[in-house]
Each structure stands twice: as C-alpha cells, then as structure tokens.
C-alpha cells in the first residue's frame, strides 16, 4: 500500500500506532542488532528455527515452513547454513524420500540453551523495571493482543491458572473488577461498589489469619478471580463466603468451583461448623456452583439496594456433616 493510500485510510491513526509499537518493540528486544539477535551469532529468524527444533521431535522442512510462514527456499538456505555450522543434522524420511527430518546436534542444543537463557534474562530485565501491578497489566495486554489477532497455538488455548494469596494491590483490583463486571452485566451502580469497598475495608482492618482468608485466581499472569472467607461476628462457628468473582475471559475453566472448594476446605480446617453466603437470584452461574457444592438455600428477600428490584438469597453449607 502506498503512503498516500495509507494516510487516506479511516484507520490511519490506528495503523500508525500499531506500526509505531512494532518499531519500538523490535528495537527494545534488539531484533535488528547488527551483531546478532541477543548479541549472539544468530539472526532473529535463525533463533526462531532453533527454538522450533528444540521443541519438536525432528520435524521436516515443510513443517518448519508452515509453522514459521516463511518461503520454502529461504528456509532451505537457512537450514543449509545451520548444517554447515554443525548445529543441525538431516535424516532422510523413511516414508517420503523427498523429505528430510531435521534435528539439533549436541552443539545446536547447547547453542539454543544459551540463546534461551539470554532471552529469559532480557525479559526478566524488562519486567524488573515494572512493579507487580505493571507486570500484570503487561501480561494481560499481551494476552489480549494474542486473542484479538488470532493466536491459535493449542498450548495457549486453556492456560493453567493458579490460586494464590492476595498482594496489597489485589484489594483495589477486587473492588474495581466487581464494579466493572456487575455494572456491565447487571446494571448495578455505585451503591454496589460502595458495598464491595466496605466489605474489603472491614476484612483488611479486622483480618484474623486463623479464621479468615482471601484467594486470587491468576491466569497468564493476570488476575481473573477472587473469593473470601470471613468470620461472622454475630454467629460463632459460622463463616461467610464473600466476593466470589470470575472475569468473563476466564469463565468455563472451573475457576469458580475451585475457589469455592478452597473456601470449604479452609472453613472446615479452621473449625467452623457452617459456611454461609449472600447472593442474588440473577447470579445463576454462581448459584449453580453453590448448589453443586452442597449449599442449601435457607432464606430469600426482595430488595432494591443496587438500584433495581432483586431477590436476595442466603445459602448455607453444613460442614460438620463432612467430617
């Protein structure tokens, strides 16, 4: 496309922004360094070929061409160069004499390991310049870019998630995420956000580590869920399950069930005899998780606390029956 046609595009500013980022990132990681990628004797493309060979079981040249989206002649010349340097070896395919299987030699594996360590060190250096919240924003943004532009790597289809204790910044994330998700999905306004903020403030101000816990679900380095167990100050032996949330991007992975299971396990170990929760009838997915976990609906009431008529529900789980 000519510069004139590009400037005439209704997306000209967005095109320029993407291209500006591409130039920034290639410079940031040294992809264009004249002395080689990561100051190695390899170009960026050679480094990617070494990566593919290190993570595949003797692929053919055709497989590499398809995976990398490169010209077959270019890949062939590149492989010949690596072979001359005794970094790769070719073995004739027993099924098709026209094809060869390609694998790293011992020297090739050693070269890849060094390149891989240097790449990790560079990324670690970039991340170290950011605080924890900044790192999470970066990883989340990278995942968003991949999703929007069609990353089809099967290994990225359903990444594992981790359940961990909260850091200080996570409490602000919990408040903000509740406000955003419930406003978008149910139209709940500032009064709901105020309730969430009070719950979090009470938990932090009166935290009892023997009787209370919070868990954060993290996927691809970004927060995607949360839940709390807090003591019920008015009923000895009763704990409250509070603030269960799973972001839309992470639903369907079993995170909600896992968070509820963590609450049950902790409440039982802490010596509670009952785990109670307050929810609303419109939260059908959460209600199903509670029902599947053995919770029983014990009370209903109509309210308009969040600006519209709702049916509040109290559910309880008897813990001593499972001992």
Protein backbone atom coordinates (compact mmCIF):
# COMPACT_ATOMS: atom_id res chain seq x y z
CA UNK A 1 0.00 0.00 0.00
CA UNK A 2 1.37 3.41 -0.89
CA UNK A 3 1.92 6.06 1.81
CA UNK A 4 -0.84 8.15 0.21
CA UNK A 5 -3.34 5.27 0.36
CA UNK A 6 -2.40 4.51 3.94
CA UNK A 7 -2.88 8.13 5.02
CA UNK A 8 -6.32 8.14 3.36
CA UNK A 9 -7.46 5.11 5.36
CA UNK A 10 -10.08 5.79 8.03
CA UNK A 11 -7.83 3.71 10.30
CA UNK A 12 -4.68 5.72 9.57
CA UNK A 13 -4.07 6.71 13.18
CA UNK A 14 -4.56 3.14 14.38
CA UNK A 15 -2.31 1.76 11.66
CA UNK A 16 0.37 4.24 12.66
CA UNK A 17 0.02 3.25 16.32
CA UNK A 18 0.49 -0.47 15.58
CA UNK A 19 3.49 0.20 13.33
CA UNK A 20 5.00 2.54 15.93
CA UNK A 21 4.69 -0.20 18.55
CA UNK A 22 6.30 -2.73 16.17
CA UNK A 23 9.29 -0.43 15.67
CA UNK A 24 9.53 0.22 19.41
CA UNK A 25 9.44 -3.46 20.38
CA UNK A 26 11.90 -4.69 17.77
CA UNK A 27 14.31 -2.03 18.99
CA UNK A 28 13.60 -2.88 22.64
CA UNK A 29 14.49 -6.58 22.26
CA UNK A 30 17.39 -5.95 19.89
CA UNK A 31 15.81 -7.82 16.98
CA UNK A 32 17.67 -5.60 14.49
CA UNK A 33 21.08 -5.57 16.19
CA UNK A 34 23.84 -5.85 13.60
CA UNK A 35 25.91 -8.13 15.84
CA UNK A 36 23.12 -10.71 16.02
CA UNK A 37 19.97 -11.39 17.99
CA UNK A 38 20.71 -11.03 21.72
CA UNK A 39 24.35 -10.41 20.78
CA UNK A 40 24.58 -13.99 19.51
CA UNK A 41 25.94 -15.33 16.21
CA UNK A 42 22.34 -15.87 15.05
CA UNK A 43 19.76 -13.75 13.29
CA UNK A 44 16.29 -13.48 14.80
CA UNK A 45 14.96 -15.98 12.23
CA UNK A 46 17.75 -18.46 12.94
CA UNK A 47 16.97 -18.16 16.64
CA UNK A 48 13.32 -18.95 15.95
CA UNK A 49 14.29 -22.02 13.89
CA UNK A 50 16.49 -23.26 16.74
CA UNK A 51 13.53 -22.75 19.09
CA UNK A 52 11.19 -24.79 16.88
CA UNK A 53 13.73 -27.61 16.52
CA UNK A 54 14.31 -27.67 20.29
CA UNK A 55 10.57 -28.06 20.94
CA UNK A 56 9.68 -30.51 18.17
CA UNK A 57 10.56 -34.12 17.51
CA UNK A 58 12.66 -33.94 14.30
CA UNK A 59 10.21 -32.00 12.10
CA UNK A 60 10.50 -31.83 8.32
CA UNK A 61 11.46 -28.67 6.47
CA UNK A 62 7.85 -28.43 5.26
CA UNK A 63 6.65 -28.37 8.87
CA UNK A 64 9.00 -25.51 9.65
CA UNK A 65 7.87 -23.61 6.56
CA UNK A 66 4.22 -23.95 7.62
CA UNK A 67 4.90 -23.07 11.24
CA UNK A 68 7.03 -20.03 10.54
CA UNK A 69 5.14 -18.77 7.50
CA UNK A 70 8.36 -18.34 5.54
CA UNK A 71 9.35 -19.01 1.93
CA UNK A 72 10.42 -22.61 1.41
CA UNK A 73 13.58 -21.60 -0.46
CA UNK A 74 14.58 -19.22 2.32
CA UNK A 75 14.10 -21.90 5.00
CA UNK A 76 16.12 -24.36 2.92
CA UNK A 77 19.04 -21.92 2.64
CA UNK A 78 18.83 -21.12 6.34
CA UNK A 79 18.93 -24.82 7.27
CA UNK A 80 21.91 -25.43 4.99
CA UNK A 81 23.75 -22.63 6.78
CA UNK A 82 22.99 -24.14 10.19
CA UNK A 83 24.05 -27.55 8.92
CA UNK A 84 27.39 -26.19 7.72
CA UNK A 85 27.90 -24.85 11.24
CA UNK A 86 27.14 -28.36 12.54
CA UNK A 87 24.15 -27.15 14.54
CA UNK A 88 21.55 -29.30 12.77
CA UNK A 89 21.51 -32.67 11.05
CA UNK A 90 19.21 -34.07 8.40
CA UNK A 91 17.86 -37.62 8.25
CA UNK A 92 16.03 -38.90 5.16
CA UNK A 93 12.38 -39.62 5.87
CA UNK A 94 11.58 -43.36 5.69
CA UNK A 95 8.10 -42.52 4.41
CA UNK A 96 8.96 -39.95 1.74
CA UNK A 97 12.38 -39.87 0.11
CA UNK A 98 11.84 -36.27 -0.90
CA UNK A 99 11.64 -35.13 2.73
CA UNK A 100 14.26 -34.96 5.48
CA UNK A 101 13.75 -34.82 9.21
CA UNK A 102 15.77 -32.11 10.91
CA UNK A 103 17.12 -32.18 14.46
CA UNK A 104 19.57 -30.24 16.57
CA UNK A 105 23.03 -31.66 17.12
CA UNK A 106 24.63 -31.56 20.56
CA UNK A 107 26.25 -28.27 19.56
CA UNK A 108 22.90 -27.00 18.32
CA UNK A 109 21.20 -27.87 21.62
CA UNK A 110 23.94 -26.09 23.55
CA UNK A 111 23.61 -23.02 21.32
CA UNK A 112 19.85 -22.99 21.81
CA UNK A 113 20.12 -23.31 25.59
CA UNK A 114 22.37 -20.26 25.77
CA UNK A 115 20.09 -18.28 23.46
CA UNK A 116 17.07 -19.32 25.51
CA UNK A 117 18.73 -18.27 28.77
CA UNK A 118 19.70 -14.92 27.29
CA UNK A 119 16.14 -14.36 26.06
CA UNK A 120 14.76 -15.15 29.53
CA UNK A 121 17.27 -12.77 31.10
CA UNK A 122 16.24 -9.96 28.75
CA UNK A 123 12.54 -10.40 29.54
CA UNK A 124 13.30 -10.62 33.26
CA UNK A 125 15.20 -7.34 32.98
CA UNK A 126 12.23 -5.70 31.25
CA UNK A 127 9.80 -6.99 33.88
CA UNK A 128 12.06 -5.89 36.74
CA UNK A 129 11.56 -2.28 35.66
CA UNK A 130 7.83 -2.62 36.47
CA UNK A 131 6.07 -3.07 39.79
CA UNK A 132 3.77 -6.06 40.32
CA UNK A 133 0.70 -4.22 39.08
CA UNK A 134 2.55 -3.09 35.97
CA UNK A 135 3.72 -6.61 35.23
CA UNK A 136 0.16 -7.90 35.48
CA UNK A 137 -1.11 -5.18 33.15
CA UNK A 138 1.60 -6.04 30.64
CA UNK A 139 0.88 -9.80 30.66
CA UNK A 140 -2.85 -9.13 30.41
CA UNK A 141 -2.28 -6.80 27.45
CA UNK A 142 -0.09 -9.37 25.70
CA UNK A 143 -2.80 -11.99 26.13
CA UNK A 144 -5.39 -9.59 24.76
CA UNK A 145 -3.27 -8.89 21.68
CA UNK A 146 -2.87 -12.61 21.04
CA UNK A 147 -6.58 -13.28 21.43
CA UNK A 148 -7.61 -10.41 19.16
CA UNK A 149 -5.11 -11.23 16.42
CA UNK A 150 -5.91 -14.95 16.37
CA UNK A 151 -3.19 -16.75 18.31
CA UNK A 152 -4.05 -20.36 17.52
CA UNK A 153 -1.24 -22.07 19.42
CA UNK A 154 -3.00 -25.07 21.06
CA UNK A 155 -0.80 -24.69 24.13
CA UNK A 156 -2.41 -21.28 24.70
CA UNK A 157 -5.99 -22.48 24.31
CA UNK A 158 -6.65 -23.07 28.00
CA UNK A 159 -3.65 -21.96 30.04
CA UNK A 160 -3.37 -23.19 33.57
CA UNK A 161 -4.39 -20.88 36.36
CA UNK A 162 -3.02 -20.54 39.87
CA UNK A 163 -4.73 -19.81 43.17
CA UNK A 164 -2.66 -17.62 45.48
CA UNK A 165 -2.92 -15.30 48.47
CA UNK A 166 -3.55 -11.61 47.74
CA UNK A 167 -0.96 -8.87 47.48
CA UNK A 168 -1.83 -5.38 48.72
CA UNK A 169 -2.70 -4.12 45.22
CA UNK A 170 -5.13 -7.01 44.69
CA UNK A 171 -7.73 -5.49 47.01
CA UNK A 172 -8.10 -2.47 44.74
CA UNK A 173 -8.37 -4.85 41.79
CA UNK A 174 -11.17 -6.76 43.53
CA UNK A 175 -13.17 -3.57 44.12
CA UNK A 176 -12.65 -2.23 40.62
CA UNK A 177 -13.38 -5.55 38.90
CA UNK A 178 -16.59 -6.11 40.85
CA UNK A 179 -17.76 -2.63 39.93
CA UNK A 180 -16.93 -3.06 36.25
CA UNK A 181 -18.33 -6.57 35.79
CA UNK A 182 -21.58 -6.05 37.69
CA UNK A 183 -22.25 -2.68 36.09
CA UNK A 184 -21.78 -4.17 32.61
CA UNK A 185 -23.66 -7.42 33.16
CA UNK A 186 -26.41 -6.38 35.58
CA UNK A 187 -26.51 -2.59 35.60
CA UNK A 188 -25.62 -2.33 39.29
CA UNK A 189 -24.39 1.13 40.17
CA UNK A 190 -22.32 2.98 42.76
CA UNK A 191 -24.20 1.57 45.74
CA UNK A 192 -22.99 -1.93 44.87
CA UNK A 193 -19.42 -0.64 44.51
CA UNK A 194 -19.77 1.03 47.91
CA UNK A 195 -20.84 -2.29 49.46
CA UNK A 196 -17.87 -4.10 47.96
CA UNK A 197 -15.48 -1.43 49.22
CA UNK A 198 -16.91 -1.68 52.76
CA UNK A 199 -16.60 -5.47 52.76
CA UNK A 200 -12.97 -5.25 51.68
CA UNK A 201 -12.18 -2.49 54.19
CA UNK A 202 -13.73 -4.47 57.06
CA UNK A 203 -11.79 -7.57 56.04
CA UNK A 204 -8.45 -5.75 55.86
CA UNK A 205 -8.99 -3.74 59.07
CA UNK A 206 -10.09 -6.73 61.16
CA UNK A 207 -8.20 -9.56 59.47
CA UNK A 208 -7.82 -12.69 61.62
CA UNK A 209 -5.34 -15.06 59.91
CA UNK A 210 -6.56 -18.06 61.90
CA UNK A 211 -10.15 -17.64 60.79
CA UNK A 212 -10.09 -15.67 57.51
CA UNK A 213 -8.62 -15.99 54.05
CA UNK A 214 -8.67 -14.41 50.60
CA UNK A 215 -7.67 -16.12 47.36
CA UNK A 216 -6.81 -14.65 43.99
CA UNK A 217 -7.10 -16.67 40.78
CA UNK A 218 -4.42 -15.74 38.28
CA UNK A 219 -4.18 -16.78 34.63
CA UNK A 220 -1.38 -15.81 32.24
CA UNK A 221 -0.02 -13.54 34.96
CA UNK A 222 -3.26 -11.54 35.28
CA UNK A 223 -5.94 -11.59 37.96
CA UNK A 224 -9.14 -13.30 36.84
CA UNK A 225 -10.97 -14.19 40.05
CA UNK A 226 -11.28 -13.80 43.81
CA UNK A 227 -13.12 -15.03 46.87
CA UNK A 228 -13.04 -14.51 50.66
CA UNK A 229 -13.80 -16.43 53.82
CA UNK A 230 -14.59 -14.06 56.70
CA UNK A 231 -15.86 -14.76 60.19
CA UNK A 232 -19.44 -13.87 61.04
CA UNK A 233 -19.10 -11.55 64.03
CA UNK A 234 -22.69 -12.24 65.14
CA UNK A 235 -22.67 -16.04 64.94
CA UNK A 236 -19.80 -18.01 66.50
CA UNK A 237 -18.79 -21.01 64.41
CA UNK A 238 -20.19 -19.53 61.19
CA UNK A 239 -18.02 -18.23 58.34
CA UNK A 240 -19.09 -16.15 55.37
CA UNK A 241 -18.10 -16.87 51.78
CA UNK A 242 -17.87 -13.44 50.13
CA UNK A 243 -16.95 -11.66 46.90
CA UNK A 244 -16.80 -14.67 44.57
CA UNK A 245 -15.86 -13.32 41.13
CA UNK A 246 -14.55 -14.82 37.89
CA UNK A 247 -13.92 -12.47 34.99
CA UNK A 248 -15.78 -13.27 31.74
CA UNK A 249 -12.49 -14.03 29.97
CA UNK A 250 -11.77 -16.90 32.39
CA UNK A 251 -15.18 -18.49 32.77
CA UNK A 252 -15.66 -22.11 31.81
CA UNK A 253 -12.31 -23.24 33.23
CA UNK A 254 -13.61 -24.39 36.61
CA UNK A 255 -12.11 -21.45 38.47
CA UNK A 256 -15.32 -20.57 40.33
CA UNK A 257 -15.71 -24.14 41.59
CA UNK A 258 -12.06 -24.25 42.64
CA UNK A 259 -12.38 -21.01 44.60
CA UNK A 260 -15.49 -22.26 46.40
CA UNK A 261 -13.74 -25.56 47.18
CA UNK A 262 -10.84 -23.61 48.70
CA UNK A 263 -13.30 -21.79 50.95
CA UNK A 264 -14.90 -25.05 52.08
CA UNK A 265 -11.53 -26.69 52.81
CA UNK A 266 -10.27 -23.73 54.82
CA UNK A 267 -13.51 -23.21 56.75
CA UNK A 268 -13.54 -26.86 57.78
CA UNK A 269 -9.88 -26.79 58.84
CA UNK A 270 -10.46 -23.54 60.78
CA UNK A 271 -13.15 -25.28 62.85
CA UNK A 272 -16.29 -23.62 61.51
CA UNK A 273 -19.48 -25.67 61.57
CA UNK A 274 -21.30 -23.64 58.88
CA UNK A 275 -20.31 -21.69 55.79
CA UNK A 276 -22.88 -19.08 54.78
CA UNK A 277 -23.17 -16.77 51.77
CA UNK A 278 -25.40 -13.98 50.50
CA UNK A 279 -26.16 -13.72 46.79
CA UNK A 280 -28.91 -12.70 44.38
CA UNK A 281 -31.15 -14.88 42.24
CA UNK A 282 -29.95 -13.30 38.98
CA UNK A 283 -26.45 -14.72 39.53
CA UNK A 284 -27.39 -18.07 38.04
CA UNK A 285 -23.88 -19.36 37.31
CA UNK A 286 -22.70 -18.71 40.87
CA UNK A 287 -25.88 -20.22 42.32
CA UNK A 288 -25.25 -23.41 40.35
CA UNK A 289 -21.73 -23.65 41.76
CA UNK A 290 -23.11 -23.29 45.28
CA UNK A 291 -25.80 -25.90 44.70
CA UNK A 292 -23.28 -28.34 43.23
CA UNK A 293 -21.06 -27.84 46.29
CA UNK A 294 -23.91 -28.83 48.62
CA UNK A 295 -25.11 -25.41 49.74
CA UNK A 296 -28.81 -25.14 50.63
CA UNK A 297 -30.99 -22.08 50.08
CA UNK A 298 -32.32 -21.05 53.53
CA UNK A 299 -33.76 -17.56 53.05
CA UNK A 300 -34.99 -15.11 50.38
CA UNK A 301 -35.92 -11.44 50.48
CA UNK A 302 -36.76 -8.69 47.97
CA UNK A 303 -34.57 -5.57 47.97
CA UNK A 304 -33.56 -2.67 45.75
CA UNK A 305 -30.17 -1.91 47.32
CA UNK A 306 -28.41 -1.65 43.96
CA UNK A 307 -30.99 0.50 42.19
CA UNK A 308 -33.36 -2.18 40.87
CA UNK A 309 -35.66 -4.87 42.38
CA UNK A 310 -33.71 -8.03 43.23
CA UNK A 311 -34.25 -11.24 45.15
CA UNK A 312 -31.51 -11.72 47.74
CA UNK A 313 -30.73 -15.26 48.85
CA UNK A 314 -28.87 -16.74 51.81
CA UNK A 315 -27.29 -20.15 51.24
CA UNK A 316 -25.58 -22.34 53.86
CA UNK A 317 -23.32 -25.36 53.89
CA UNK A 318 -23.16 -27.58 56.98
CA UNK A 319 -19.50 -28.53 57.40
CA UNK A 320 -19.66 -30.94 60.32
CA UNK A 321 -21.61 -33.47 58.23
CA UNK A 322 -18.48 -33.99 56.08
CA UNK A 323 -16.12 -34.75 58.95
